[in-house]
Amino acid sequence: MKNVFYYIIALFIILLDQWTKWIIVQNLKLGESLPIIDGFLYITSHRNKGAAWGILQGQMGFFYVITIIVIVGIIYYMQKYAKREPLMGIALAFMLGGAVGNFIDRLFRKEVVDFINTFIFSYDFPIFNIADAALTIGVLLLFIYMIFFEGKLKKE
């Protein structure tokens, strides 16, 4: 029953991701930008046919295969470890939600809708979306788990 909680987190991320992307597609022209915090945060309608930072543009077949493998791997680890390792379960839930969110875009739009545009110390960070943020948070949580908890649990 505890694993259901992690799938609910993933589902929430997928729904939030798809809803925000739908809002962007319906209301902003490609390239249009709205300032939220001038000089720092903008909502900018952008499309990406590649991976992070636009690498591997147009390699959809590759992304389909890799994403399916990643999703199966995440579900396997959720089933195997999440029941007794809550931080790992949450990390994997965020990663699953993010992976599925961008997979839906690639499958149905043939591109990923990005819209969160930030400037960090005047650096124009690559535009991203909720799924990308969830993947990043999931990976960070997994690193925290591995660094601070995994070794201690093995000793016990």
Protein backbone atom coordinates (compact mmCIF):
# COMPACT_ATOMS: atom_id res chain seq x y z
CA MET A 1 0.00 0.00 0.00
CA LYS A 2 2.90 2.35 0.76
CA ASN A 3 4.12 2.19 -2.87
CA VAL A 4 0.78 3.63 -4.01
CA PHE A 5 1.76 6.91 -2.34
CA TYR A 6 4.83 7.17 -4.61
CA TYR A 7 2.77 6.52 -7.72
CA ILE A 8 0.34 9.24 -6.60
CA ILE A 9 3.28 11.67 -6.36
CA ALA A 10 4.39 10.68 -9.87
CA LEU A 11 0.84 11.05 -11.21
CA PHE A 12 0.53 14.51 -9.62
CA ILE A 13 3.79 15.58 -11.30
CA ILE A 14 2.63 14.23 -14.68
CA LEU A 15 -0.73 16.01 -14.42
CA LEU A 16 0.83 19.30 -13.28
CA ASP A 17 3.44 19.08 -16.03
CA GLN A 18 0.90 18.37 -18.78
CA TRP A 19 -1.54 21.01 -17.50
CA THR A 20 1.13 23.74 -17.43
CA LYS A 21 2.36 22.76 -20.91
CA TRP A 22 -1.23 22.87 -22.22
CA ILE A 23 -1.65 26.38 -20.79
CA ILE A 24 1.55 27.52 -22.52
CA VAL A 25 0.60 25.98 -25.89
CA GLN A 26 -2.92 27.47 -25.72
CA ASN A 27 -1.97 30.97 -24.58
CA LEU A 28 1.53 31.89 -25.80
CA LYS A 29 2.99 32.04 -29.27
CA LEU A 30 6.28 30.23 -29.77
CA GLY A 31 9.02 32.55 -28.52
CA GLU A 32 6.63 34.79 -26.60
CA SER A 33 7.86 35.69 -23.12
CA LEU A 34 6.12 37.07 -20.03
CA PRO A 35 8.17 38.55 -17.17
CA ILE A 36 7.32 37.16 -13.74
CA ILE A 37 10.30 38.64 -11.85
CA ASP A 38 12.05 41.04 -14.23
CA GLY A 39 15.68 40.09 -14.80
CA PHE A 40 15.26 36.70 -13.10
CA LEU A 41 12.17 34.64 -14.04
CA TYR A 42 10.12 34.59 -17.24
CA ILE A 43 7.50 32.32 -18.78
CA THR A 44 8.76 31.77 -22.32
CA SER A 45 7.13 29.50 -24.89
CA HIS A 46 9.87 27.25 -26.23
CA ARG A 47 10.07 23.82 -27.91
CA ASN A 48 12.84 21.26 -27.68
CA LYS A 49 13.22 18.31 -30.03
CA GLY A 50 16.27 17.06 -28.15
CA ALA A 51 17.34 16.34 -24.59
CA ALA A 52 18.57 18.64 -21.84
CA TRP A 53 20.06 21.87 -23.17
CA GLY A 54 18.89 20.91 -26.65
CA ILE A 55 21.44 18.14 -27.23
CA LEU A 56 20.65 15.25 -29.59
CA GLN A 57 18.07 17.25 -31.55
CA GLY A 58 15.63 15.15 -33.58
CA GLN A 59 16.63 11.76 -32.13
CA MET A 60 13.07 10.76 -31.17
CA GLY A 61 13.54 7.02 -31.73
CA PHE A 62 16.53 7.05 -29.39
CA PHE A 63 14.53 8.98 -26.76
CA TYR A 64 11.60 6.55 -26.97
CA VAL A 65 13.82 3.54 -26.31
CA ILE A 66 15.90 5.18 -23.56
CA THR A 67 12.84 6.60 -21.80
CA ILE A 68 11.02 3.27 -21.78
CA ILE A 69 14.13 1.58 -20.32
CA VAL A 70 14.44 4.32 -17.67
CA ILE A 71 10.74 4.12 -16.74
CA VAL A 72 10.90 0.33 -16.39
CA GLY A 73 14.05 0.67 -14.27
CA ILE A 74 12.48 3.30 -12.00
CA ILE A 75 9.35 1.18 -11.49
CA TYR A 76 11.51 -1.87 -10.71
CA TYR A 77 13.45 0.05 -8.04
CA MET A 78 10.27 1.56 -6.65
CA GLN A 79 8.77 -1.90 -6.23
CA LYS A 80 11.95 -3.34 -4.74
CA TYR A 81 13.19 -0.59 -2.40
CA ALA A 82 10.64 2.18 -1.88
CA LYS A 83 8.61 0.28 0.75
CA ARG A 84 11.46 0.39 3.24
CA GLU A 85 13.32 3.50 1.99
CA PRO A 86 10.93 6.49 1.90
CA LEU A 87 13.50 9.02 0.63
CA MET A 88 14.41 6.71 -2.23
CA GLY A 89 10.71 6.21 -2.97
CA ILE A 90 10.11 9.96 -3.17
CA ALA A 91 13.20 10.46 -5.33
CA LEU A 92 12.08 7.72 -7.73
CA ALA A 93 8.51 9.12 -7.79
CA PHE A 94 9.82 12.52 -8.89
CA MET A 95 12.02 10.89 -11.52
CA LEU A 96 9.14 8.74 -12.79
CA GLY A 97 6.78 11.72 -13.01
CA GLY A 98 9.37 13.78 -14.87
CA ALA A 99 10.33 11.01 -17.28
CA VAL A 100 6.70 10.22 -18.14
CA GLY A 101 5.79 13.91 -18.47
CA ASN A 102 8.42 14.56 -21.13
CA PHE A 103 7.75 11.17 -22.76
CA ILE A 104 4.12 12.17 -23.31
CA ASP A 105 5.31 15.31 -25.13
CA ARG A 106 7.73 13.39 -27.31
CA LEU A 107 5.13 10.77 -28.13
CA PHE A 108 2.22 13.09 -28.98
CA ARG A 109 3.85 16.42 -29.92
CA LYS A 110 7.17 15.12 -31.30
CA GLU A 111 8.82 17.83 -29.18
CA VAL A 112 8.96 18.89 -25.54
CA VAL A 113 7.23 22.09 -24.41
CA ASP A 114 9.54 24.16 -22.20
CA PHE A 115 8.58 27.46 -20.58
CA ILE A 116 10.43 28.25 -17.33
CA ASN A 117 13.16 30.73 -18.25
CA THR A 118 15.53 31.88 -15.51
CA PHE A 119 18.51 34.17 -15.35
CA ILE A 120 20.89 33.20 -12.57
CA PHE A 121 23.52 35.89 -11.94
CA SER A 122 22.81 37.17 -15.49
CA TYR A 123 23.33 33.66 -16.96
CA ASP A 124 20.40 32.71 -19.20
CA PHE A 125 19.77 29.18 -17.90
CA PRO A 126 18.29 26.78 -20.51
CA ILE A 127 14.49 26.92 -20.59
CA PHE A 128 12.87 23.97 -18.83
CA ASN A 129 9.50 22.64 -17.61
CA ILE A 130 7.89 20.96 -14.59
CA ALA A 131 9.01 17.48 -15.73
CA ASP A 132 12.62 18.65 -16.01
CA ALA A 133 12.43 20.21 -12.53
CA ALA A 134 10.96 16.99 -11.11
CA LEU A 135 13.73 14.90 -12.69
CA THR A 136 16.36 17.22 -11.23
CA ILE A 137 14.78 17.14 -7.77
CA GLY A 138 14.51 13.35 -7.96
CA VAL A 139 18.16 12.95 -8.89
CA LEU A 140 19.24 15.32 -6.09
CA LEU A 141 17.14 13.40 -3.55
CA LEU A 142 18.63 10.13 -4.79
CA PHE A 143 22.17 11.56 -4.33
CA ILE A 144 21.26 12.69 -0.81
CA TYR A 145 19.92 9.22 -0.05
CA MET A 146 23.03 7.53 -1.45
CA ILE A 147 25.49 9.83 0.34
CA PHE A 148 23.84 10.10 3.76
CA PHE A 149 21.63 7.04 4.22
CA GLU A 150 22.57 4.10 2.02
CA GLY A 151 25.91 3.40 3.70
CA LYS A 152 24.44 3.66 7.20
CA LEU A 153 21.67 1.20 6.34
CA LYS A 154 24.18 -1.33 5.00
CA LYS A 155 26.15 -1.14 8.28
CA GLU A 156 22.99 -1.88 10.25
